[in-house]
Amino acid sequence: MHIEKNFFENVFNTVLDVDGKTKDNPKSREDLKEFCRHPELHVVGGKYPKTIYTLNKESKKVLCEWVKNLKFPDGYVSNMERCVDMNNHKLFGMKSHDCHVFMQRLIPIAFRELLPTKV
């Protein structure tokens, strides 16, 4: 279950573009020049452009509000409201089972309207 939690955190932090928690960094973008044919993702002038799978600030706010307002049956998951940081628009302190439920049940619903159809 901890592997699933780590995977969830990596994916979710990358989509939310959380500083210091994402695997998308300048070194990985430099590797794209060698291994991938996506010039729109290459580093330009020390800055790297946003990818299509990262959310903008408004989408992050909508997602965090949605998670904060979710209601579940007793014993299904812990209180998800306490895991939402509305100031920084990120999730924290989720247990392994919460991550499992989020990946299995909520990600398809959560990202359906927030991400482009290409993703």
PDB file of N, CA and C in Angstrom:
ATOM      1  N   MET A   1       0.821  -1.195   0.000  1.00  0.00           N
ATOM      2  CA  MET A   1       0.000   0.000   0.000  1.00  0.00           C
ATOM      3  C   MET A   1       0.868   1.264   0.000  1.00  0.00           C
ATOM      4  N   HIS A   2       2.070   1.200   0.586  1.00  0.00           N
ATOM      5  CA  HIS A   2       2.904   2.397   0.635  1.00  0.00           C
ATOM      6  C   HIS A   2       3.431   2.756  -0.751  1.00  0.00           C
ATOM      7  N   ILE A   3       3.642   1.751  -1.600  1.00  0.00           N
ATOM      8  CA  ILE A   3       4.069   2.030  -2.970  1.00  0.00           C
ATOM      9  C   ILE A   3       2.969   2.793  -3.697  1.00  0.00           C
ATOM     10  N   GLU A   4       1.734   2.365  -3.487  1.00  0.00           N
ATOM     11  CA  GLU A   4       0.604   3.046  -4.112  1.00  0.00           C
ATOM     12  C   GLU A   4       0.477   4.481  -3.597  1.00  0.00           C
ATOM     13  N   LYS A   5       0.735   4.673  -2.323  1.00  0.00           N
ATOM     14  CA  LYS A   5       0.669   6.019  -1.748  1.00  0.00           C
ATOM     15  C   LYS A   5       1.751   6.908  -2.356  1.00  0.00           C
ATOM     16  N   ASN A   6       2.972   6.385  -2.464  1.00  0.00           N
ATOM     17  CA  ASN A   6       4.065   7.158  -3.060  1.00  0.00           C
ATOM     18  C   ASN A   6       3.762   7.504  -4.518  1.00  0.00           C
ATOM     19  N   PHE A   7       3.225   6.535  -5.238  1.00  0.00           N
ATOM     20  CA  PHE A   7       2.864   6.770  -6.635  1.00  0.00           C
ATOM     21  C   PHE A   7       1.788   7.850  -6.737  1.00  0.00           C
ATOM     22  N   PHE A   8       0.770   7.742  -5.897  1.00  0.00           N
ATOM     23  CA  PHE A   8      -0.305   8.738  -5.889  1.00  0.00           C
ATOM     24  C   PHE A   8       0.244  10.129  -5.600  1.00  0.00           C
ATOM     25  N   GLU A   9       1.093  10.235  -4.586  1.00  0.00           N
ATOM     26  CA  GLU A   9       1.642  11.541  -4.221  1.00  0.00           C
ATOM     27  C   GLU A   9       2.488  12.122  -5.347  1.00  0.00           C
ATOM     28  N   ASN A  10       3.287  11.279  -6.016  1.00  0.00           N
ATOM     29  CA  ASN A  10       4.100  11.766  -7.130  1.00  0.00           C
ATOM     30  C   ASN A  10       3.227  12.278  -8.271  1.00  0.00           C
ATOM     31  N   VAL A  11       2.227  11.501  -8.639  1.00  0.00           N
ATOM     32  CA  VAL A  11       1.352  11.901  -9.739  1.00  0.00           C
ATOM     33  C   VAL A  11       0.550  13.140  -9.366  1.00  0.00           C
ATOM     34  N   PHE A  12      -0.039  13.127  -8.193  1.00  0.00           N
ATOM     35  CA  PHE A  12      -0.911  14.227  -7.794  1.00  0.00           C
ATOM     36  C   PHE A  12      -0.127  15.519  -7.609  1.00  0.00           C
ATOM     37  N   ASN A  13       1.059  15.435  -7.002  1.00  0.00           N
ATOM     38  CA  ASN A  13       1.881  16.634  -6.823  1.00  0.00           C
ATOM     39  C   ASN A  13       2.395  17.165  -8.160  1.00  0.00           C
ATOM     40  N   THR A  14       2.608  16.279  -9.127  1.00  0.00           N
ATOM     41  CA  THR A  14       3.017  16.722 -10.454  1.00  0.00           C
ATOM     42  C   THR A  14       1.867  17.430 -11.162  1.00  0.00           C
ATOM     43  N   VAL A  15       0.668  16.887 -11.046  1.00  0.00           N
ATOM     44  CA  VAL A  15      -0.499  17.517 -11.677  1.00  0.00           C
ATOM     45  C   VAL A  15      -0.800  18.867 -11.022  1.00  0.00           C
ATOM     46  N   LEU A  16      -0.660  18.934  -9.701  1.00  0.00           N
ATOM     47  CA  LEU A  16      -0.906  20.192  -8.997  1.00  0.00           C
ATOM     48  C   LEU A  16       0.290  21.137  -9.057  1.00  0.00           C
ATOM     49  N   ASP A  17       1.428  20.650  -9.546  1.00  0.00           N
ATOM     50  CA  ASP A  17       2.660  21.439  -9.668  1.00  0.00           C
ATOM     51  C   ASP A  17       3.068  22.038  -8.322  1.00  0.00           C
ATOM     52  N   VAL A  18       3.166  21.181  -7.308  1.00  0.00           N
ATOM     53  CA  VAL A  18       3.553  21.603  -5.961  1.00  0.00           C
ATOM     54  C   VAL A  18       5.070  21.790  -5.924  1.00  0.00           C
ATOM     55  N   ASP A  19       5.525  22.946  -5.486  1.00  0.00           N
ATOM     56  CA  ASP A  19       6.961  23.234  -5.428  1.00  0.00           C
ATOM     57  C   ASP A  19       7.678  22.246  -4.522  1.00  0.00           C
ATOM     58  N   GLY A  20       8.770  21.669  -5.019  1.00  0.00           N
ATOM     59  CA  GLY A  20       9.584  20.757  -4.241  1.00  0.00           C
ATOM     60  C   GLY A  20       9.045  19.341  -4.168  1.00  0.00           C
ATOM     61  N   LYS A  21       7.857  19.100  -4.672  1.00  0.00           N
ATOM     62  CA  LYS A  21       7.255  17.768  -4.590  1.00  0.00           C
ATOM     63  C   LYS A  21       7.060  17.129  -5.961  1.00  0.00           C
ATOM     64  N   THR A  22       7.336  17.849  -7.020  1.00  0.00           N
ATOM     65  CA  THR A  22       7.103  17.333  -8.359  1.00  0.00           C
ATOM     66  C   THR A  22       8.371  16.695  -8.925  1.00  0.00           C
ATOM     67  N   LYS A  23       8.191  15.757  -9.818  1.00  0.00           N
ATOM     68  CA  LYS A  23       9.327  15.114 -10.480  1.00  0.00           C
ATOM     69  C   LYS A  23       9.676  15.821 -11.790  1.00  0.00           C
ATOM     70  N   ASP A  24       8.928  16.859 -12.114  1.00  0.00           N
ATOM     71  CA  ASP A  24       9.170  17.635 -13.323  1.00  0.00           C
ATOM     72  C   ASP A  24      10.130  18.766 -12.979  1.00  0.00           C
ATOM     73  N   ASN A  25      11.395  18.615 -13.365  1.00  0.00           N
ATOM     74  CA  ASN A  25      12.418  19.599 -13.028  1.00  0.00           C
ATOM     75  C   ASN A  25      13.295  19.879 -14.251  1.00  0.00           C
ATOM     76  N   PRO A  26      14.192  20.856 -14.167  1.00  0.00           N
ATOM     77  CA  PRO A  26      15.026  21.189 -15.336  1.00  0.00           C
ATOM     78  C   PRO A  26      15.859  20.019 -15.861  1.00  0.00           C
ATOM     79  N   LYS A  27      16.358  19.166 -14.977  1.00  0.00           N
ATOM     80  CA  LYS A  27      17.152  18.026 -15.442  1.00  0.00           C
ATOM     81  C   LYS A  27      16.304  17.054 -16.257  1.00  0.00           C
ATOM     82  N   SER A  28      15.077  16.809 -15.807  1.00  0.00           N
ATOM     83  CA  SER A  28      14.208  15.912 -16.575  1.00  0.00           C
ATOM     84  C   SER A  28      13.837  16.540 -17.913  1.00  0.00           C
ATOM     85  N   ARG A  29      13.715  17.862 -17.948  1.00  0.00           N
ATOM     86  CA  ARG A  29      13.419  18.538 -19.212  1.00  0.00           C
ATOM     87  C   ARG A  29      14.612  18.469 -20.161  1.00  0.00           C
ATOM     88  N   GLU A  30      15.831  18.513 -19.618  1.00  0.00           N
ATOM     89  CA  GLU A  30      17.025  18.366 -20.460  1.00  0.00           C
ATOM     90  C   GLU A  30      17.073  16.966 -21.064  1.00  0.00           C
ATOM     91  N   ASP A  31      16.651  15.966 -20.303  1.00  0.00           N
ATOM     92  CA  ASP A  31      16.600  14.603 -20.828  1.00  0.00           C
ATOM     93  C   ASP A  31      15.601  14.487 -21.974  1.00  0.00           C
ATOM     94  N   LEU A  32      14.566  15.300 -21.952  1.00  0.00           N
ATOM     95  CA  LEU A  32      13.579  15.270 -23.030  1.00  0.00           C
ATOM     96  C   LEU A  32      14.198  15.613 -24.375  1.00  0.00           C
ATOM     97  N   LYS A  33      15.206  16.482 -24.368  1.00  0.00           N
ATOM     98  CA  LYS A  33      15.867  16.840 -25.626  1.00  0.00           C
ATOM     99  C   LYS A  33      16.489  15.616 -26.283  1.00  0.00           C
ATOM    100  N   GLU A  34      17.031  14.726 -25.455  1.00  0.00           N
ATOM    101  CA  GLU A  34      17.686  13.535 -25.984  1.00  0.00           C
ATOM    102  C   GLU A  34      16.705  12.437 -26.362  1.00  0.00           C
ATOM    103  N   PHE A  35      15.700  12.219 -25.532  1.00  0.00           N
ATOM    104  CA  PHE A  35      14.876  11.023 -25.666  1.00  0.00           C
ATOM    105  C   PHE A  35      13.476  11.247 -26.238  1.00  0.00           C
ATOM    106  N   CYS A  36      13.029  12.471 -26.321  1.00  0.00           N
ATOM    107  CA  CYS A  36      11.635  12.717 -26.679  1.00  0.00           C
ATOM    108  C   CYS A  36      11.542  13.788 -27.764  1.00  0.00           C
ATOM    109  N   ARG A  37      10.533  13.690 -28.590  1.00  0.00           N
ATOM    110  CA  ARG A  37      10.353  14.649 -29.680  1.00  0.00           C
ATOM    111  C   ARG A  37       9.245  15.651 -29.365  1.00  0.00           C
ATOM    112  N   HIS A  38       9.365  16.332 -28.269  1.00  0.00           N
ATOM    113  CA  HIS A  38       8.390  17.350 -27.889  1.00  0.00           C
ATOM    114  C   HIS A  38       9.123  18.669 -27.640  1.00  0.00           C
ATOM    115  N   PRO A  39       9.400  19.420 -28.700  1.00  0.00           N
ATOM    116  CA  PRO A  39      10.140  20.675 -28.520  1.00  0.00           C
ATOM    117  C   PRO A  39       9.391  21.698 -27.673  1.00  0.00           C
ATOM    118  N   GLU A  40       8.079  21.575 -27.575  1.00  0.00           N
ATOM    119  CA  GLU A  40       7.315  22.530 -26.759  1.00  0.00           C
ATOM    120  C   GLU A  40       7.589  22.365 -25.265  1.00  0.00           C
ATOM    121  N   LEU A  41       8.243  21.263 -24.871  1.00  0.00           N
ATOM    122  CA  LEU A  41       8.554  21.020 -23.464  1.00  0.00           C
ATOM    123  C   LEU A  41      10.010  21.313 -23.109  1.00  0.00           C
ATOM    124  N   HIS A  42      10.826  21.677 -24.090  1.00  0.00           N
ATOM    125  CA  HIS A  42      12.242  21.924 -23.829  1.00  0.00           C
ATOM    126  C   HIS A  42      12.437  23.212 -23.038  1.00  0.00           C
ATOM    127  N   VAL A  43      13.547  23.262 -22.294  1.00  0.00           N
ATOM    128  CA  VAL A  43      13.887  24.444 -21.507  1.00  0.00           C
ATOM    129  C   VAL A  43      14.269  25.579 -22.457  1.00  0.00           C
ATOM    130  N   VAL A  44      13.668  26.753 -22.229  1.00  0.00           N
ATOM    131  CA  VAL A  44      13.950  27.923 -23.064  1.00  0.00           C
ATOM    132  C   VAL A  44      14.362  29.065 -22.149  1.00  0.00           C
ATOM    133  N   GLY A  45      15.615  29.483 -22.267  1.00  0.00           N
ATOM    134  CA  GLY A  45      16.102  30.607 -21.472  1.00  0.00           C
ATOM    135  C   GLY A  45      16.078  30.348 -19.972  1.00  0.00           C
ATOM    136  N   GLY A  46      16.328  29.120 -19.561  1.00  0.00           N
ATOM    137  CA  GLY A  46      16.343  28.791 -18.137  1.00  0.00           C
ATOM    138  C   GLY A  46      14.969  28.537 -17.538  1.00  0.00           C
ATOM    139  N   LYS A  47      13.930  28.733 -18.313  1.00  0.00           N
ATOM    140  CA  LYS A  47      12.566  28.482 -17.840  1.00  0.00           C
ATOM    141  C   LYS A  47      11.967  27.343 -18.647  1.00  0.00           C
ATOM    142  N   TYR A  48      11.138  26.566 -18.004  1.00  0.00           N
ATOM    143  CA  TYR A  48      10.480  25.510 -18.751  1.00  0.00           C
ATOM    144  C   TYR A  48       8.968  25.720 -18.727  1.00  0.00           C
ATOM    145  N   PRO A  49       8.343  25.557 -19.894  1.00  0.00           N
ATOM    146  CA  PRO A  49       6.908  25.826 -20.014  1.00  0.00           C
ATOM    147  C   PRO A  49       6.070  24.794 -19.266  1.00  0.00           C
ATOM    148  N   LYS A  50       4.868  25.199 -18.918  1.00  0.00           N
ATOM    149  CA  LYS A  50       3.939  24.289 -18.238  1.00  0.00           C
ATOM    150  C   LYS A  50       3.531  23.178 -19.198  1.00  0.00           C
ATOM    151  N   THR A  51       3.351  22.004 -18.650  1.00  0.00           N
ATOM    152  CA  THR A  51       2.867  20.885 -19.449  1.00  0.00           C
ATOM    153  C   THR A  51       1.347  20.921 -19.491  1.00  0.00           C
ATOM    154  N   ILE A  52       0.766  20.148 -20.396  1.00  0.00           N
ATOM    155  CA  ILE A  52      -0.693  20.188 -20.532  1.00  0.00           C
ATOM    156  C   ILE A  52      -1.401  19.489 -19.380  1.00  0.00           C
ATOM    157  N   TYR A  53      -0.667  18.677 -18.624  1.00  0.00           N
ATOM    158  CA  TYR A  53      -1.310  17.935 -17.538  1.00  0.00           C
ATOM    159  C   TYR A  53      -1.183  18.625 -16.180  1.00  0.00           C
ATOM    160  N   THR A  54      -0.640  19.831 -16.116  1.00  0.00           N
ATOM    161  CA  THR A  54      -0.617  20.568 -14.852  1.00  0.00           C
ATOM    162  C   THR A  54      -1.807  21.516 -14.803  1.00  0.00           C
ATOM    163  N   LEU A  55      -2.340  21.688 -13.621  1.00  0.00           N
ATOM    164  CA  LEU A  55      -3.522  22.524 -13.442  1.00  0.00           C
ATOM    165  C   LEU A  55      -3.131  23.977 -13.200  1.00  0.00           C
ATOM    166  N   ASN A  56      -3.961  24.881 -13.669  1.00  0.00           N
ATOM    167  CA  ASN A  56      -3.749  26.294 -13.363  1.00  0.00           C
ATOM    168  C   ASN A  56      -4.318  26.588 -11.976  1.00  0.00           C
ATOM    169  N   LYS A  57      -4.143  27.815 -11.515  1.00  0.00           N
ATOM    170  CA  LYS A  57      -4.529  28.166 -10.145  1.00  0.00           C
ATOM    171  C   LYS A  57      -6.031  28.009  -9.907  1.00  0.00           C
ATOM    172  N   GLU A  58      -6.843  28.404 -10.865  1.00  0.00           N
ATOM    173  CA  GLU A  58      -8.293  28.276 -10.711  1.00  0.00           C
ATOM    174  C   GLU A  58      -8.716  26.814 -10.617  1.00  0.00           C
ATOM    175  N   SER A  59      -8.128  25.967 -11.459  1.00  0.00           N
ATOM    176  CA  SER A  59      -8.463  24.542 -11.439  1.00  0.00           C
ATOM    177  C   SER A  59      -8.030  23.895 -10.130  1.00  0.00           C
ATOM    178  N   LYS A  60      -6.868  24.315  -9.607  1.00  0.00           N
ATOM    179  CA  LYS A  60      -6.409  23.795  -8.314  1.00  0.00           C
ATOM    180  C   LYS A  60      -7.403  24.152  -7.216  1.00  0.00           C
ATOM    181  N   LYS A  61      -7.884  25.387  -7.255  1.00  0.00           N
ATOM    182  CA  LYS A  61      -8.848  25.839  -6.251  1.00  0.00           C
ATOM    183  C   LYS A  61     -10.143  25.039  -6.349  1.00  0.00           C
ATOM    184  N   VAL A  62     -10.635  24.822  -7.563  1.00  0.00           N
ATOM    185  CA  VAL A  62     -11.860  24.038  -7.774  1.00  0.00           C
ATOM    186  C   VAL A  62     -11.671  22.617  -7.258  1.00  0.00           C
ATOM    187  N   LEU A  63     -10.529  22.010  -7.567  1.00  0.00           N
ATOM    188  CA  LEU A  63     -10.258  20.644  -7.125  1.00  0.00           C
ATOM    189  C   LEU A  63     -10.193  20.557  -5.606  1.00  0.00           C
ATOM    190  N   CYS A  64      -9.494  21.486  -4.976  1.00  0.00           N
ATOM    191  CA  CYS A  64      -9.377  21.466  -3.511  1.00  0.00           C
ATOM    192  C   CYS A  64     -10.727  21.685  -2.839  1.00  0.00           C
ATOM    193  N   GLU A  65     -11.537  22.579  -3.369  1.00  0.00           N
ATOM    194  CA  GLU A  65     -12.873  22.788  -2.808  1.00  0.00           C
ATOM    195  C   GLU A  65     -13.733  21.544  -2.972  1.00  0.00           C
ATOM    196  N   TRP A  66     -13.610  20.882  -4.120  1.00  0.00           N
ATOM    197  CA  TRP A  66     -14.372  19.657  -4.370  1.00  0.00           C
ATOM    198  C   TRP A  66     -13.990  18.564  -3.372  1.00  0.00           C
ATOM    199  N   VAL A  67     -12.680  18.374  -3.171  1.00  0.00           N
ATOM    200  CA  VAL A  67     -12.216  17.358  -2.214  1.00  0.00           C
ATOM    201  C   VAL A  67     -12.659  17.723  -0.804  1.00  0.00           C
ATOM    202  N   LYS A  68     -12.592  18.988  -0.465  1.00  0.00           N
ATOM    203  CA  LYS A  68     -12.980  19.437   0.876  1.00  0.00           C
ATOM    204  C   LYS A  68     -14.460  19.173   1.152  1.00  0.00           C
ATOM    205  N   ASN A  69     -15.294  19.243   0.132  1.00  0.00           N
ATOM    206  CA  ASN A  69     -16.734  19.069   0.304  1.00  0.00           C
ATOM    207  C   ASN A  69     -17.220  17.641   0.092  1.00  0.00           C
ATOM    208  N   LEU A  70     -16.311  16.714  -0.186  1.00  0.00           N
ATOM    209  CA  LEU A  70     -16.723  15.320  -0.385  1.00  0.00           C
ATOM    210  C   LEU A  70     -17.260  14.716   0.905  1.00  0.00           C
ATOM    211  N   LYS A  71     -18.269  13.891   0.772  1.00  0.00           N
ATOM    212  CA  LYS A  71     -18.839  13.164   1.911  1.00  0.00           C
ATOM    213  C   LYS A  71     -18.807  11.675   1.584  1.00  0.00           C
ATOM    214  N   PHE A  72     -18.391  10.876   2.556  1.00  0.00           N
ATOM    215  CA  PHE A  72     -18.304   9.434   2.384  1.00  0.00           C
ATOM    216  C   PHE A  72     -19.052   8.727   3.506  1.00  0.00           C
ATOM    217  N   PRO A  73     -19.429   7.468   3.291  1.00  0.00           N
ATOM    218  CA  PRO A  73     -20.035   6.699   4.380  1.00  0.00           C
ATOM    219  C   PRO A  73     -19.034   6.501   5.521  1.00  0.00           C
ATOM    220  N   ASP A  74     -19.545   6.311   6.718  1.00  0.00           N
ATOM    221  CA  ASP A  74     -18.681   6.085   7.880  1.00  0.00           C
ATOM    222  C   ASP A  74     -17.784   4.876   7.648  1.00  0.00           C
ATOM    223  N   GLY A  75     -16.503   5.038   7.943  1.00  0.00           N
ATOM    224  CA  GLY A  75     -15.549   3.945   7.856  1.00  0.00           C
ATOM    225  C   GLY A  75     -14.973   3.710   6.472  1.00  0.00           C
ATOM    226  N   TYR A  76     -15.430   4.439   5.460  1.00  0.00           N
ATOM    227  CA  TYR A  76     -14.921   4.221   4.104  1.00  0.00           C
ATOM    228  C   TYR A  76     -13.541   4.843   3.937  1.00  0.00           C
ATOM    229  N   VAL A  77     -13.406   6.110   4.259  1.00  0.00           N
ATOM    230  CA  VAL A  77     -12.117   6.808   4.277  1.00  0.00           C
ATOM    231  C   VAL A  77     -12.117   7.740   5.474  1.00  0.00           C
ATOM    232  N   SER A  78     -10.927   8.227   5.808  1.00  0.00           N
ATOM    233  CA  SER A  78     -10.852   9.188   6.903  1.00  0.00           C
ATOM    234  C   SER A  78     -11.368  10.541   6.421  1.00  0.00           C
ATOM    235  N   ASN A  79     -11.372  11.502   7.282  1.00  0.00           N
ATOM    236  CA  ASN A  79     -11.899  12.824   6.962  1.00  0.00           C
ATOM    237  C   ASN A  79     -10.990  13.510   5.939  1.00  0.00           C
ATOM    238  N   MET A  80     -11.438  13.558   4.693  1.00  0.00           N
ATOM    239  CA  MET A  80     -10.630  14.138   3.615  1.00  0.00           C
ATOM    240  C   MET A  80     -10.520  15.655   3.750  1.00  0.00           C
ATOM    241  N   GLU A  81     -11.461  16.255   4.446  1.00  0.00           N
ATOM    242  CA  GLU A  81     -11.456  17.711   4.599  1.00  0.00           C
ATOM    243  C   GLU A  81     -10.193  18.194   5.306  1.00  0.00           C
ATOM    244  N   ARG A  82      -9.696  17.398   6.245  1.00  0.00           N
ATOM    245  CA  ARG A  82      -8.506  17.803   6.994  1.00  0.00           C
ATOM    246  C   ARG A  82      -7.226  17.690   6.159  1.00  0.00           C
ATOM    247  N   CYS A  83      -7.295  17.006   5.023  1.00  0.00           N
ATOM    248  CA  CYS A  83      -6.119  16.806   4.168  1.00  0.00           C
ATOM    249  C   CYS A  83      -5.945  17.898   3.118  1.00  0.00           C
ATOM    250  N   VAL A  84      -6.852  18.852   3.081  1.00  0.00           N
ATOM    251  CA  VAL A  84      -6.818  19.890   2.048  1.00  0.00           C
ATOM    252  C   VAL A  84      -6.240  21.177   2.622  1.00  0.00           C
ATOM    253  N   ASP A  85      -5.228  21.711   1.942  1.00  0.00           N
ATOM    254  CA  ASP A  85      -4.659  23.014   2.287  1.00  0.00           C
ATOM    255  C   ASP A  85      -5.158  24.016   1.251  1.00  0.00           C
ATOM    256  N   MET A  86      -6.169  24.791   1.620  1.00  0.00           N
ATOM    257  CA  MET A  86      -6.793  25.723   0.677  1.00  0.00           C
ATOM    258  C   MET A  86      -5.891  26.919   0.351  1.00  0.00           C
ATOM    259  N   ASN A  87      -4.972  27.269   1.245  1.00  0.00           N
ATOM    260  CA  ASN A  87      -4.080  28.408   0.986  1.00  0.00           C
ATOM    261  C   ASN A  87      -3.060  28.089  -0.104  1.00  0.00           C
ATOM    262  N   ASN A  88      -2.482  26.888  -0.038  1.00  0.00           N
ATOM    263  CA  ASN A  88      -1.455  26.494  -1.004  1.00  0.00           C
ATOM    264  C   ASN A  88      -1.999  25.600  -2.111  1.00  0.00           C
ATOM    265  N   HIS A  89      -3.274  25.258  -2.037  1.00  0.00           N
ATOM    266  CA  HIS A  89      -3.934  24.405  -3.032  1.00  0.00           C
ATOM    267  C   HIS A  89      -3.199  23.079  -3.214  1.00  0.00           C
ATOM    268  N   LYS A  90      -3.113  22.328  -2.125  1.00  0.00           N
ATOM    269  CA  LYS A  90      -2.496  21.007  -2.200  1.00  0.00           C
ATOM    270  C   LYS A  90      -3.119  20.089  -1.161  1.00  0.00           C
ATOM    271  N   LEU A  91      -2.835  18.799  -1.290  1.00  0.00           N
ATOM    272  CA  LEU A  91      -3.300  17.794  -0.339  1.00  0.00           C
ATOM    273  C   LEU A  91      -2.115  17.329   0.483  1.00  0.00           C
ATOM    274  N   PHE A  92      -2.362  16.995   1.740  1.00  0.00           N
ATOM    275  CA  PHE A  92      -1.288  16.528   2.609  1.00  0.00           C
ATOM    276  C   PHE A  92      -1.866  15.582   3.653  1.00  0.00           C
ATOM    277  N   GLY A  93      -1.026  14.761   4.236  1.00  0.00           N
ATOM    278  CA  GLY A  93      -1.408  13.920   5.366  1.00  0.00           C
ATOM    279  C   GLY A  93      -2.407  12.830   5.055  1.00  0.00           C
ATOM    280  N   MET A  94      -2.481  12.406   3.799  1.00  0.00           N
ATOM    281  CA  MET A  94      -3.425  11.349   3.456  1.00  0.00           C
ATOM    282  C   MET A  94      -2.840   9.998   3.834  1.00  0.00           C
ATOM    283  N   LYS A  95      -3.687   9.113   4.309  1.00  0.00           N
ATOM    284  CA  LYS A  95      -3.261   7.764   4.655  1.00  0.00           C
ATOM    285  C   LYS A  95      -3.254   6.907   3.396  1.00  0.00           C
ATOM    286  N   SER A  96      -2.637   5.726   3.496  1.00  0.00           N
ATOM    287  CA  SER A  96      -2.517   4.841   2.338  1.00  0.00           C
ATOM    288  C   SER A  96      -3.874   4.484   1.754  1.00  0.00           C
ATOM    289  N   HIS A  97      -4.836   4.184   2.616  1.00  0.00           N
ATOM    290  CA  HIS A  97      -6.163   3.808   2.125  1.00  0.00           C
ATOM    291  C   HIS A  97      -6.857   4.991   1.450  1.00  0.00           C
ATOM    292  N   ASP A  98      -6.652   6.192   1.972  1.00  0.00           N
ATOM    293  CA  ASP A  98      -7.227   7.386   1.344  1.00  0.00           C
ATOM    294  C   ASP A  98      -6.672   7.557  -0.073  1.00  0.00           C
ATOM    295  N   CYS A  99      -5.371   7.353  -0.221  1.00  0.00           N
ATOM    296  CA  CYS A  99      -4.744   7.451  -1.541  1.00  0.00           C
ATOM    297  C   CYS A  99      -5.292   6.385  -2.481  1.00  0.00           C
ATOM    298  N   HIS A 100      -5.488   5.182  -1.955  1.00  0.00           N
ATOM    299  CA  HIS A 100      -6.038   4.087  -2.752  1.00  0.00           C
ATOM    300  C   HIS A 100      -7.440   4.440  -3.250  1.00  0.00           C
ATOM    301  N   VAL A 101      -8.290   4.913  -2.361  1.00  0.00           N
ATOM    302  CA  VAL A 101      -9.659   5.282  -2.735  1.00  0.00           C
ATOM    303  C   VAL A 101      -9.634   6.428  -3.739  1.00  0.00           C
ATOM    304  N   PHE A 102      -8.764   7.396  -3.524  1.00  0.00           N
ATOM    305  CA  PHE A 102      -8.685   8.536  -4.439  1.00  0.00           C
ATOM    306  C   PHE A 102      -8.278   8.072  -5.831  1.00  0.00           C
ATOM    307  N   MET A 103      -7.277   7.193  -5.906  1.00  0.00           N
ATOM    308  CA  MET A 103      -6.831   6.712  -7.210  1.00  0.00           C
ATOM    309  C   MET A 103      -7.893   5.864  -7.893  1.00  0.00           C
ATOM    310  N   GLN A 104      -8.537   4.991  -7.143  1.00  0.00           N
ATOM    311  CA  GLN A 104      -9.493   4.066  -7.737  1.00  0.00           C
ATOM    312  C   GLN A 104     -10.821   4.717  -8.088  1.00  0.00           C
ATOM    313  N   ARG A 105     -11.313   5.596  -7.239  1.00  0.00           N
ATOM    314  CA  ARG A 105     -12.678   6.107  -7.383  1.00  0.00           C
ATOM    315  C   ARG A 105     -12.777   7.574  -7.797  1.00  0.00           C
ATOM    316  N   LEU A 106     -11.842   8.399  -7.363  1.00  0.00           N
ATOM    317  CA  LEU A 106     -12.044   9.839  -7.500  1.00  0.00           C
ATOM    318  C   LEU A 106     -11.261  10.509  -8.621  1.00  0.00           C
ATOM    319  N   ILE A 107     -10.088   9.995  -8.966  1.00  0.00           N
ATOM    320  CA  ILE A 107      -9.286  10.650 -10.002  1.00  0.00           C
ATOM    321  C   ILE A 107     -10.034  10.744 -11.338  1.00  0.00           C
ATOM    322  N   PRO A 108     -10.691   9.677 -11.791  1.00  0.00           N
ATOM    323  CA  PRO A 108     -11.420   9.830 -13.064  1.00  0.00           C
ATOM    324  C   PRO A 108     -12.486  10.919 -13.019  1.00  0.00           C
ATOM    325  N   ILE A 109     -13.132  11.068 -11.895  1.00  0.00           N
ATOM    326  CA  ILE A 109     -14.168  12.090 -11.750  1.00  0.00           C
ATOM    327  C   ILE A 109     -13.530  13.467 -11.590  1.00  0.00           C
ATOM    328  N   ALA A 110     -12.486  13.539 -10.790  1.00  0.00           N
ATOM    329  CA  ALA A 110     -11.868  14.826 -10.465  1.00  0.00           C
ATOM    330  C   ALA A 110     -11.239  15.494 -11.681  1.00  0.00           C
ATOM    331  N   PHE A 111     -10.560  14.729 -12.503  1.00  0.00           N
ATOM    332  CA  PHE A 111      -9.814  15.320 -13.606  1.00  0.00           C
ATOM    333  C   PHE A 111     -10.572  15.336 -14.926  1.00  0.00           C
ATOM    334  N   ARG A 112     -11.768  14.793 -14.954  1.00  0.00           N
ATOM    335  CA  ARG A 112     -12.530  14.718 -16.205  1.00  0.00           C
ATOM    336  C   ARG A 112     -12.738  16.096 -16.828  1.00  0.00           C
ATOM    337  N   GLU A 113     -13.108  17.068 -16.029  1.00  0.00           N
ATOM    338  CA  GLU A 113     -13.384  18.397 -16.567  1.00  0.00           C
ATOM    339  C   GLU A 113     -12.227  19.375 -16.381  1.00  0.00           C
ATOM    340  N   LEU A 114     -11.279  19.035 -15.514  1.00  0.00           N
ATOM    341  CA  LEU A 114     -10.192  19.968 -15.235  1.00  0.00           C
ATOM    342  C   LEU A 114      -9.025  19.856 -16.208  1.00  0.00           C
ATOM    343  N   LEU A 115      -8.803  18.656 -16.743  1.00  0.00           N
ATOM    344  CA  LEU A 115      -7.689  18.454 -17.669  1.00  0.00           C
ATOM    345  C   LEU A 115      -8.198  18.407 -19.106  1.00  0.00           C
ATOM    346  N   PRO A 116      -7.355  18.763 -20.074  1.00  0.00           N
ATOM    347  CA  PRO A 116      -7.776  18.689 -21.481  1.00  0.00           C
ATOM    348  C   PRO A 116      -8.071  17.251 -21.901  1.00  0.00           C
ATOM    349  N   THR A 117      -8.828  17.085 -22.952  1.00  0.00           N
ATOM    350  CA  THR A 117      -9.202  15.741 -23.402  1.00  0.00           C
ATOM    351  C   THR A 117      -8.002  14.957 -23.919  1.00  0.00           C
ATOM    352  N   LYS A 118      -6.925  15.627 -24.323  1.00  0.00           N
ATOM    353  CA  LYS A 118      -5.714  14.934 -24.781  1.00  0.00           C
ATOM    354  C   LYS A 118      -5.105  14.082 -23.677  1.00  0.00           C
ATOM    355  N   VAL A 119      -5.226  14.547 -22.459  1.00  0.00           N
ATOM    356  CA  VAL A 119      -4.630  13.850 -21.324  1.00  0.00           C
ATOM    357  C   VAL A 119      -5.526  12.694 -20.974  1.00  0.00           C
TER     358      VAL A 119
END
